Protein backbone atom coordinates (compact mmCIF):
# COMPACT_ATOMS: atom_id res chain seq x y z
CA MET A 1 149.36 84.95 243.66
CA ILE A 2 148.72 85.80 246.87
CA SER A 3 151.42 85.35 249.46
CA LEU A 4 151.60 84.91 253.00
CA THR A 5 153.59 87.88 253.19
CA ASP A 6 150.44 89.89 251.54
CA ILE A 7 147.95 88.60 254.09
CA LEU A 8 150.21 89.85 257.04
CA THR A 9 150.91 93.31 255.76
CA LEU A 10 147.01 94.00 255.43
CA LEU A 11 146.42 91.90 258.13
CA PRO A 12 144.49 94.82 260.14
CA GLU A 13 142.55 95.60 257.25
CA CYS A 14 141.75 91.87 256.68
CA PHE A 15 140.09 91.54 260.18
CA LEU A 16 138.88 94.96 260.51
CA THR A 17 136.66 93.73 257.33
CA GLY A 18 135.78 90.19 259.10
CA ALA A 19 135.02 91.95 262.13
CA ILE A 20 132.76 94.22 260.76
CA CYS A 21 130.98 91.59 258.57
CA VAL A 22 130.73 89.42 262.08
CA LEU A 23 129.13 92.98 263.65
CA LEU A 24 126.12 93.17 260.78
CA LEU A 25 125.42 89.70 261.45
CA LEU A 26 125.05 89.95 265.40
CA ASP A 27 123.14 93.08 265.09
CA VAL A 28 120.58 91.60 263.00
CA PHE A 29 119.95 89.15 266.28
CA LEU A 30 120.22 91.88 268.77
CA LYS A 31 117.14 93.64 270.38
CA PRO A 32 116.83 97.45 270.54
CA SER A 33 117.43 97.02 274.59
CA GLN A 34 120.83 95.06 273.69
CA ARG A 35 122.63 97.79 272.15
CA ASP A 36 124.85 98.12 274.24
CA VAL A 37 126.32 94.94 272.50
CA THR A 38 127.31 96.37 269.58
CA HIS A 39 128.71 99.58 271.25
CA TYR A 40 131.20 98.08 273.25
CA PHE A 41 131.93 95.11 270.44
CA SER A 42 132.78 98.22 268.69
CA ILE A 43 135.00 99.65 270.58
CA ALA A 44 136.74 95.70 270.72
CA ILE A 45 137.19 95.99 267.07
CA LEU A 46 138.75 99.11 267.27
CA ALA A 47 141.44 98.20 270.10
CA VAL A 48 142.11 95.03 268.57
CA THR A 49 143.22 96.76 265.00
CA ALA A 50 145.07 99.40 266.54
CA TRP A 51 146.80 96.43 268.14
CA LEU A 52 147.74 94.54 265.27
CA VAL A 53 148.84 98.29 263.66
CA LEU A 54 151.01 98.54 266.43
CA SER A 55 152.53 94.88 267.00
CA GLY A 56 150.79 92.53 265.41
CA PRO A 57 152.14 89.97 262.66
CA GLY A 58 153.26 91.66 260.17
CA ALA A 59 153.74 95.15 261.76
CA VAL A 60 155.99 97.70 260.77
CA THR A 61 157.19 99.98 263.90
CA VAL A 62 155.56 103.07 263.81
CA THR A 63 158.80 105.10 264.77
CA ALA A 64 160.56 102.96 262.26
CA GLY A 65 160.02 105.41 259.52
CA ALA A 66 159.47 105.40 256.06
CA ALA A 67 162.81 103.99 255.21
CA LYS A 68 161.53 100.24 256.56
CA SER A 69 158.50 100.60 254.49
CA VAL A 70 157.06 97.50 253.42
CA THR A 71 154.56 96.51 250.41
CA ALA A 72 151.76 94.09 249.09
CA PHE A 73 150.17 93.02 246.33
CA GLY A 74 152.90 94.40 243.93
CA GLY A 75 153.06 97.68 245.67
CA MET A 76 149.34 98.48 245.59
CA PHE A 77 149.46 98.86 249.25
CA ILE A 78 152.27 100.47 251.55
CA ARG A 79 152.74 100.17 255.24
CA ASP A 80 155.31 102.20 256.58
CA GLY A 81 155.74 104.63 259.75
CA MET A 82 153.73 107.42 258.28
CA ALA A 83 150.38 104.82 257.60
CA ASP A 84 150.12 102.85 260.67
CA ALA A 85 150.85 106.30 263.00
CA LEU A 86 147.93 107.87 260.74
CA LYS A 87 145.97 104.75 261.47
CA LEU A 88 146.47 104.34 265.02
CA PHE A 89 144.93 107.97 265.63
CA ALA A 90 142.22 107.38 263.18
CA LEU A 91 141.38 104.74 265.44
CA LEU A 92 141.67 106.48 268.55
CA THR A 93 139.77 109.31 267.55
CA SER A 94 137.20 106.79 266.24
CA ALA A 95 137.05 105.15 269.67
CA LEU A 96 136.62 108.49 271.27
CA VAL A 97 133.58 109.13 269.13
CA PHE A 98 131.70 106.08 269.65
CA VAL A 99 132.31 106.91 273.45
CA TYR A 100 130.99 110.36 272.97
CA ALA A 101 128.53 109.61 270.69
CA ARG A 102 126.35 106.74 273.04
CA PRO A 103 124.52 108.72 275.01
CA TYR A 104 123.29 111.37 272.21
CA LEU A 105 122.18 108.05 270.29
CA ARG A 106 120.20 106.69 272.78
CA ASP A 107 118.20 109.84 273.81
CA ARG A 108 117.13 110.23 270.04
CA SER A 109 115.89 106.89 268.98
CA LEU A 110 119.42 106.57 266.85
CA TYR A 111 121.01 104.10 268.86
CA VAL A 112 121.44 101.57 265.91
CA GLY A 113 124.21 98.94 264.24
CA GLU A 114 124.44 101.32 261.46
CA TYR A 115 126.12 103.88 262.93
CA TYR A 116 128.73 101.47 264.10
CA VAL A 117 128.90 99.74 260.86
CA LEU A 118 128.94 102.51 258.36
CA CYS A 119 131.62 104.23 260.90
CA LEU A 120 133.73 101.20 261.03
CA PHE A 121 133.63 100.64 256.77
CA ALA A 122 134.59 104.69 257.35
CA VAL A 123 137.29 103.97 259.09
CA LEU A 124 138.50 100.93 256.66
CA GLY A 125 138.50 103.53 253.95
CA MET A 126 140.65 106.05 256.27
CA MET A 127 143.25 102.81 256.26
CA PHE A 128 143.17 102.03 252.73
CA LEU A 129 143.87 105.65 251.78
CA VAL A 130 146.82 106.37 254.43
CA SER A 131 148.55 103.11 252.82
CA ALA A 132 147.62 103.43 249.11
CA GLY A 133 150.55 102.81 246.68
CA SER A 134 148.25 102.87 243.46
CA LEU A 135 145.83 105.39 242.19
CA VAL A 136 143.24 102.30 242.66
CA ILE A 137 143.59 101.94 246.15
CA VAL A 138 143.46 105.73 246.39
CA TYR A 139 140.18 105.57 244.54
CA LEU A 140 139.26 102.39 246.45
CA GLY A 141 139.76 104.03 250.00
CA LEU A 142 138.15 107.34 248.94
CA GLU A 143 134.68 105.94 248.14
CA LEU A 144 134.55 103.39 250.88
CA LEU A 145 135.09 106.52 253.14
CA ALA A 146 132.62 109.02 251.17
CA LEU A 147 130.00 106.56 250.99
CA SER A 148 130.14 106.00 254.19
CA SER A 149 129.91 109.43 255.41
CA TYR A 150 127.04 110.40 252.71
CA ALA A 151 124.68 107.23 254.45
CA LEU A 152 125.84 108.81 258.30
CA VAL A 153 124.84 111.79 257.43
CA ALA A 154 121.59 110.77 256.53
CA LEU A 155 121.15 108.66 259.65
CA ASN A 156 118.17 110.74 261.22
CA ARG A 157 115.72 109.65 258.28
CA ASP A 158 113.04 112.02 260.27
CA SER A 159 115.27 114.82 259.86
CA ARG A 160 114.56 117.30 256.94
CA LEU A 161 118.03 118.87 257.74
CA SER A 162 119.66 115.87 257.64
CA SER A 163 118.45 114.31 254.66
CA GLU A 164 119.36 117.92 252.80
CA ALA A 165 122.85 117.81 254.27
CA ALA A 166 123.03 114.41 253.20
CA MET A 167 121.75 115.16 249.30
CA LYS A 168 124.02 118.27 249.37
CA TYR A 169 127.26 115.76 250.26
CA PHE A 170 126.19 113.36 247.75
CA VAL A 171 125.70 115.84 244.79
CA LEU A 172 129.00 117.57 245.62
CA GLY A 173 130.70 114.40 246.61
CA ALA A 174 129.88 112.87 243.58
CA LEU A 175 131.54 115.83 241.44
CA ALA A 176 134.53 115.92 243.39
CA SER A 177 134.99 112.32 243.08
CA GLY A 178 134.56 112.90 239.17
CA MET A 179 137.10 115.52 239.06
CA LEU A 180 139.71 113.16 241.20
CA LEU A 181 139.24 110.15 238.76
CA TYR A 182 139.29 112.50 235.66
CA GLY A 183 142.72 113.49 237.05
CA MET A 184 143.66 110.39 237.49
CA SER A 185 142.67 108.90 234.42
CA LEU A 186 144.66 112.08 232.78
CA ILE A 187 148.11 110.97 234.87
CA TYR A 188 147.64 107.39 233.75
CA GLY A 189 147.22 108.53 230.17
CA ALA A 190 150.93 110.33 230.32
CA ALA A 191 152.49 108.07 232.94
CA HIS A 192 151.02 104.63 231.50
CA THR A 193 150.86 103.40 234.98
CA LEU A 194 148.43 103.64 238.23
CA ASP A 195 151.42 102.82 240.29
CA LEU A 196 152.53 105.99 242.24
CA ASN A 197 156.09 105.12 242.33
CA GLY A 198 156.00 104.71 238.42
CA ILE A 199 154.34 108.37 238.24
CA ARG A 200 156.84 109.79 240.84
CA GLU A 201 160.06 108.35 237.75
CA PHE A 202 157.49 109.95 235.01
CA ALA A 203 157.02 113.21 236.90
CA ALA A 204 160.40 113.73 237.72
CA VAL A 205 161.52 113.99 233.87
CA PRO A 206 161.96 117.75 233.41
CA VAL A 207 160.48 117.64 229.71
CA ASN A 208 158.27 115.33 228.79
CA ALA A 209 156.15 114.55 225.33
CA GLN A 210 153.58 114.05 228.06
CA SER A 211 153.99 116.85 230.56
CA LYS A 212 151.06 118.51 229.51
CA LEU A 213 148.61 116.03 230.03
CA LEU A 214 150.31 115.09 233.43
CA LEU A 215 149.74 118.57 234.65
CA THR A 216 146.32 118.76 233.64
CA GLY A 217 145.66 115.89 235.67
CA VAL A 218 147.13 117.36 238.47
CA VAL A 219 144.86 120.06 238.70
CA PHE A 220 141.98 118.08 238.80
CA VAL A 221 143.80 115.52 241.34
CA VAL A 222 144.55 118.72 243.55
CA VAL A 223 140.80 120.07 243.11
CA GLY A 224 139.56 116.75 244.14
CA ILE A 225 142.19 116.87 247.23
CA ALA A 226 140.83 120.21 248.09
CA PHE A 227 137.24 119.11 248.06
CA LYS A 228 137.86 116.13 250.47
CA PHE A 229 139.49 118.49 253.03
CA GLY A 230 137.28 120.85 252.61
CA ALA A 231 139.27 123.80 251.39
CA ALA A 232 137.98 126.69 250.05
CA PRO A 233 136.64 127.56 247.46
CA PHE A 234 135.71 124.02 247.21
CA HIS A 235 133.93 124.40 250.67
CA MET A 236 130.51 125.02 249.94
CA TRP A 237 129.36 121.37 251.62
CA LEU A 238 131.05 121.94 255.11
CA PRO A 239 128.92 124.27 256.58
CA ASP A 240 126.00 122.31 255.55
CA VAL A 241 126.67 119.16 256.30
CA TYR A 242 128.11 119.72 259.89
CA GLN A 243 125.55 121.85 260.75
CA GLY A 244 122.51 119.31 259.40
CA ALA A 245 124.23 115.78 260.06
CA PRO A 246 123.59 114.35 263.58
CA THR A 247 125.81 115.61 265.86
CA ALA A 248 127.15 112.29 266.82
CA VAL A 249 128.05 112.25 263.19
CA THR A 250 129.49 115.51 263.10
CA VAL A 251 132.17 114.79 265.45
CA PHE A 252 133.10 111.93 263.31
CA ILE A 253 133.06 113.25 260.17
CA GLY A 254 134.87 116.85 261.59
CA SER A 255 137.41 114.72 262.95
CA ALA A 256 139.15 111.47 261.92
CA PRO A 257 138.91 112.16 257.87
CA LYS A 258 141.25 114.94 258.42
CA LEU A 259 144.24 112.60 258.97
CA ALA A 260 143.42 110.26 255.90
CA ALA A 261 142.45 113.57 253.96
CA PHE A 262 146.32 113.92 254.83
CA GLY A 263 147.64 110.82 254.09
CA MET A 264 145.87 110.77 250.61
CA ALA A 265 147.59 114.10 250.10
CA TYR A 266 150.86 113.02 250.96
CA ARG A 267 150.32 109.92 248.99
CA LEU A 268 149.45 111.39 245.84
CA LEU A 269 151.55 114.68 245.83
CA GLU A 270 154.89 113.36 247.77
CA THR A 271 154.96 109.42 246.47
CA GLY A 272 153.10 110.19 243.11
CA LEU A 273 153.48 114.05 242.11
CA ASP A 274 156.83 115.10 243.73
CA GLY A 275 158.99 115.75 240.44
CA ALA A 276 155.35 117.92 239.62
CA GLY A 277 156.05 119.89 243.21
CA PRO A 278 156.67 123.36 241.86
CA HIS A 279 152.75 123.43 240.47
CA TRP A 280 151.12 121.70 243.08
CA GLN A 281 153.04 123.77 245.70
CA GLN A 282 151.74 127.01 243.58
CA MET A 283 147.94 126.03 243.59
CA LEU A 284 148.16 124.67 247.52
CA ALA A 285 149.30 128.27 248.47
CA VAL A 286 146.52 130.17 246.93
CA LEU A 287 144.22 127.18 248.49
CA ALA A 288 145.59 127.71 251.92
CA VAL A 289 145.02 132.05 251.76
CA ALA A 290 141.51 131.44 250.26
CA SER A 291 140.95 129.02 253.36
CA LEU A 292 142.57 131.55 255.92
CA ALA A 293 140.43 133.92 254.52
CA ILE A 294 137.08 132.78 254.09
CA GLY A 295 136.75 130.34 256.99
CA ASN A 296 138.06 132.68 259.61
CA ILE A 297 136.13 135.84 258.77
CA ALA A 298 132.88 133.86 258.19
CA ALA A 299 133.28 132.01 261.30
CA ILE A 300 132.95 135.64 262.67
CA MET A 301 129.56 135.81 261.38
CA GLN A 302 128.25 132.73 262.77
CA SER A 303 125.90 132.36 265.77
CA ASN A 304 125.29 128.37 265.64
CA LEU A 305 128.23 126.64 267.09
CA LYS A 306 128.36 123.77 264.76
CA ARG A 307 128.37 126.06 261.86
CA MET A 308 130.93 128.67 263.49
CA LEU A 309 133.22 125.44 264.18
CA ALA A 310 132.67 124.02 260.62
CA TYR A 311 134.02 127.68 259.04
CA SER A 312 136.80 127.21 261.83
CA THR A 313 137.56 123.65 259.97
CA ILE A 314 138.10 125.63 256.66
CA SER A 315 140.54 127.96 258.43
CA HIS A 316 142.15 124.88 260.05
CA VAL A 317 142.86 123.13 256.80
CA GLY A 318 144.38 126.50 255.11
CA PHE A 319 146.86 125.83 258.27
CA LEU A 320 147.66 122.28 257.51
CA LEU A 321 148.07 123.31 253.43
CA LEU A 322 150.69 125.77 255.00
CA GLY A 323 152.90 122.66 255.42
CA LEU A 324 151.73 120.76 252.64
CA VAL A 325 152.97 123.98 250.61
CA ASN A 326 156.60 123.43 251.81
CA GLY A 327 157.12 120.44 249.92
CA GLN A 328 159.67 118.90 251.86
CA PRO A 329 159.65 116.00 254.81
CA GLY A 330 159.69 118.59 257.28
CA GLY A 331 156.60 120.41 255.68
CA TYR A 332 155.13 117.44 255.68
CA ALA A 333 155.94 116.14 259.11
CA ALA A 334 154.31 119.69 260.45
CA ALA A 335 151.23 118.69 258.28
CA MET A 336 151.31 115.70 260.04
CA PHE A 337 151.56 116.90 263.42
CA TYR A 338 148.95 119.60 262.38
CA ALA A 339 146.35 116.64 261.10
CA ILE A 340 146.53 114.88 264.43
CA SER A 341 146.42 117.76 266.95
CA TYR A 342 143.37 118.91 265.01
CA ALA A 343 141.33 115.47 265.28
CA LEU A 344 141.78 115.63 269.12
CA MET A 345 140.80 119.05 269.07
CA ALA A 346 137.74 118.53 266.98
CA ALA A 347 136.68 115.69 268.80
CA ALA A 348 137.18 117.34 272.00
CA ALA A 349 134.60 120.55 270.52
CA PHE A 350 132.46 118.34 268.83
CA GLY A 351 132.20 116.37 272.32
CA MET A 352 131.36 118.97 274.56
CA ILE A 353 128.32 119.71 272.51
CA LEU A 354 127.38 115.95 272.64
CA LEU A 355 128.03 116.28 276.74
CA LEU A 356 125.80 119.23 277.20
CA SER A 357 122.98 118.22 274.42
CA ARG A 358 120.15 116.32 276.12
CA ALA A 359 116.68 115.58 274.54
CA GLY A 360 114.92 118.44 273.43
CA PHE A 361 117.91 120.39 273.75
CA GLU A 362 120.83 120.57 271.41
CA ALA A 363 123.41 123.03 272.85
CA GLU A 364 123.94 124.19 268.82
CA GLU A 365 123.92 127.83 269.42
CA ILE A 366 126.61 129.84 271.08
CA ASP A 367 123.77 131.58 273.34
CA ASP A 368 123.47 128.12 274.57
CA PHE A 369 126.52 128.50 276.46
CA LYS A 370 125.53 131.51 278.29
CA GLY A 371 126.77 131.51 282.14
CA LEU A 372 127.79 127.97 281.68
CA ASN A 373 130.49 128.82 284.26
CA GLN A 374 127.68 129.38 287.06
CA ARG A 375 125.91 126.39 286.57
CA SER A 376 129.11 123.96 285.81
CA PRO A 377 132.33 125.38 286.25
CA TRP A 378 134.22 121.81 285.41
CA HIS A 379 132.59 121.58 282.23
CA ALA A 380 133.21 125.66 281.07
CA PHE A 381 137.03 124.65 281.65
CA LEU A 382 136.83 121.87 279.73
CA MET A 383 135.54 123.82 276.98
CA LEU A 384 137.93 126.95 277.67
CA LEU A 385 140.90 124.44 277.16
CA VAL A 386 139.46 123.38 273.98
CA MET A 387 138.98 126.81 272.73
CA PHE A 388 141.81 128.00 273.57
CA SER A 389 143.98 125.03 271.94
CA LEU A 390 141.62 125.48 269.09
CA ALA A 391 142.69 129.61 269.08
CA GLY A 392 146.41 128.67 269.27
CA VAL A 393 146.96 130.40 272.31
CA PRO A 394 150.12 129.50 274.39
CA PRO A 395 151.03 126.90 276.01
CA MET A 396 148.17 124.57 274.43
CA PHE A 397 148.83 122.16 271.87
CA GLY A 398 147.01 123.69 269.06
CA PHE A 399 149.94 126.60 269.40
CA PHE A 400 152.48 124.13 268.68
CA GLY A 401 150.69 122.93 265.54
CA LYS A 402 150.06 126.26 264.29
CA LEU A 403 153.90 127.28 264.84
CA LEU A 404 155.20 124.52 263.04
CA VAL A 405 153.47 124.83 259.82
CA LEU A 406 154.25 128.74 259.95
CA LYS A 407 157.71 127.84 260.40
CA ALA A 408 157.24 125.25 257.37
CA ALA A 409 156.18 128.30 255.48
CA ILE A 410 159.17 130.17 256.36
CA ASP A 411 161.40 127.20 255.57
CA ALA A 412 160.12 127.20 252.19
CA HIS A 413 161.18 130.64 251.76
CA GLN A 414 156.90 131.44 251.61
CA ILE A 415 157.24 134.71 254.45
CA TRP A 416 154.03 136.31 252.62
CA LEU A 417 152.15 132.95 253.15
CA ALA A 418 153.39 132.82 257.03
CA VAL A 419 152.79 136.53 257.27
CA THR A 420 148.86 135.60 256.13
CA GLY A 421 148.53 132.48 258.13
CA ALA A 422 150.13 134.81 261.56
CA VAL A 423 147.16 137.25 260.62
CA PHE A 424 144.54 134.75 260.00
CA ALA A 425 145.64 133.17 263.41
CA ILE A 426 144.84 136.14 265.29
CA VAL A 427 141.62 137.08 263.69
CA GLY A 428 140.21 133.72 264.28
CA ILE A 429 140.87 134.01 268.40
CA PHE A 430 138.17 136.48 267.85
CA TYR A 431 135.54 134.00 267.32
CA TYR A 432 136.91 131.21 269.99
CA LEU A 433 137.01 133.63 272.60
CA ARG A 434 133.23 134.62 272.13
CA VAL A 435 132.57 131.40 273.46
CA VAL A 436 135.05 131.67 276.42
CA LYS A 437 133.20 135.20 276.81
CA VAL A 438 129.79 133.93 276.90
CA MET A 439 130.48 131.36 279.23
CA TYR A 440 132.68 133.30 281.82
CA PHE A 441 130.81 136.64 281.53
CA ASP A 442 127.07 136.45 280.57
CA ASP A 443 124.43 135.69 282.91
CA ALA A 444 122.82 131.96 281.96
CA ASP A 445 119.00 131.88 281.40
CA ASP A 446 118.67 129.29 284.04
CA GLU A 447 120.65 129.87 286.75
CA SER A 448 120.11 126.64 288.08
CA ARG A 449 122.91 124.13 288.20
CA LEU A 450 123.55 121.84 285.44
CA PRO A 451 121.92 118.31 285.35
CA THR A 452 124.87 115.84 285.11
CA PRO A 453 125.24 115.02 281.82
CA GLY A 454 125.80 112.07 279.68
CA ASP A 455 126.94 109.10 281.12
CA LEU A 456 130.24 108.35 283.20
CA PRO A 457 132.31 106.64 280.64
CA MET A 458 131.62 110.14 278.01
CA ARG A 459 132.32 112.43 280.97
CA VAL A 460 136.16 111.20 282.15
CA THR A 461 136.71 110.52 278.76
CA ILE A 462 136.07 113.83 277.30
CA SER A 463 137.28 115.25 280.41
CA MET A 464 140.78 113.18 279.34
CA ASN A 465 140.44 114.52 275.98
CA ALA A 466 139.99 118.37 277.26
CA LEU A 467 143.20 117.72 279.54
CA ALA A 468 145.14 116.02 276.92
CA LEU A 469 145.21 119.51 275.05
CA LEU A 470 146.87 121.41 278.09
CA VAL A 471 149.31 118.66 278.91
CA LEU A 472 150.31 117.95 275.25
CA GLY A 473 151.35 121.59 274.89
CA PHE A 474 153.75 120.94 277.46
CA PHE A 475 155.34 117.76 275.77
CA TRP A 476 154.43 118.41 272.06
CA GLY A 477 158.05 117.33 271.14
CA PRO A 478 157.50 113.24 271.75
CA LEU A 479 154.81 113.53 269.44
CA TYR A 480 156.28 115.73 266.62
CA GLY A 481 159.45 113.83 267.08
CA TRP A 482 157.17 110.65 266.22
CA CYS A 483 155.80 112.51 262.80
CA VAL A 484 159.44 113.51 261.76
CA ARG A 485 160.41 109.68 262.31
CA SER A 486 157.89 108.23 260.81
CA LEU A 487 158.36 110.12 257.72
CA GLY A 488 161.84 108.69 257.58
CA ILE A 489 163.61 112.22 258.90
CA TYR A 490 166.42 111.33 261.38
């Protein structure tokens, strides 16, 4: 029997589902010239959903911590400080994406309702993922996010590159989903429950007749998580998808879903499989090193900016995994802080590509940024802030994200892992600074002043996004404290 408490606990998700249905119907009756209604209505939906998460009926205060968590539908859905905080940032990042994407979509005849509907369905999938209390909800949220993402990548049907990327993403995504589902079925076979807390109790028993079956399931689950993160060696889809997808789609799939991936990993590994920690921590350590090495080395060789950012994403996943390897609340808080900082940095980085793109010019190559300082000093400065933050140059926001995950690795007595992370952090600086060098020290092919790009809301928002990376570098403490409290650490 569904109770009122269950409905109130899921009120943000219920509202978002209903609002998407209304948006679908509304979009049918709108003319192409009225597409702005869809755009602003989508942003309003995100804003109302964020309000329901933050202070609506049934809301859990995001600073209340895991101890204040409430559950619905017999524990299948968990609402706590961590889930609400991740939902808020996923909604904020998605709103940024909508603002950045509008001029790009409009100039290329891709300004359609399907883009907003699919993105909102993906956001709904993210919200279920971070609140999952059962393997069923994990898979439901994951597939909702994944299926929406496959369709988004193929949004530009006239682009062969986009169609090819969507096909690769779909095939490899289906393979990864199969592995994750197989792992879940093995875990269910061992623990005889789909409830994550029940699995946690089973996994806490040191020696169990079903332990081998459970550990085999853990291996497949970790593989599934690694694919969704884009961790090496399960990263093959990521560069092709980032490059092949329309940039308005790349900015979405490259930012907010990383928050959901962290939420999924936390629910599966901490809530469900904490007892098998020594086993999955070793696997994550190997994945972290492989991601750091492959991501950074391959990024150095790229001339396409979207592809370079794709490989750098793999390296950032390696850093995020350093926090998860810790396996303690402090490590999870560091990984959560890193996921939030990366989502904001990735939105700004791909947003800068969108800002400088115009019809017939994609601004995807690093050489396209040659002499940007001569043509538009303000935009060159914004890009410099984004590159410095991604590189982890102090006092930028990204520096403290790297510092915290390296500290988490040291706290877990994984000194070799922290040293490896520090070495590849220095290697990663090279390719980010190459973009800065091209902007400030190379001559522009066309020295005329850059035409005012994008529209005003986009220019203002991207400026605030990039400047926030500098401001949050000085005031990162409150956000980290929020992450700590949301995970129940006091």
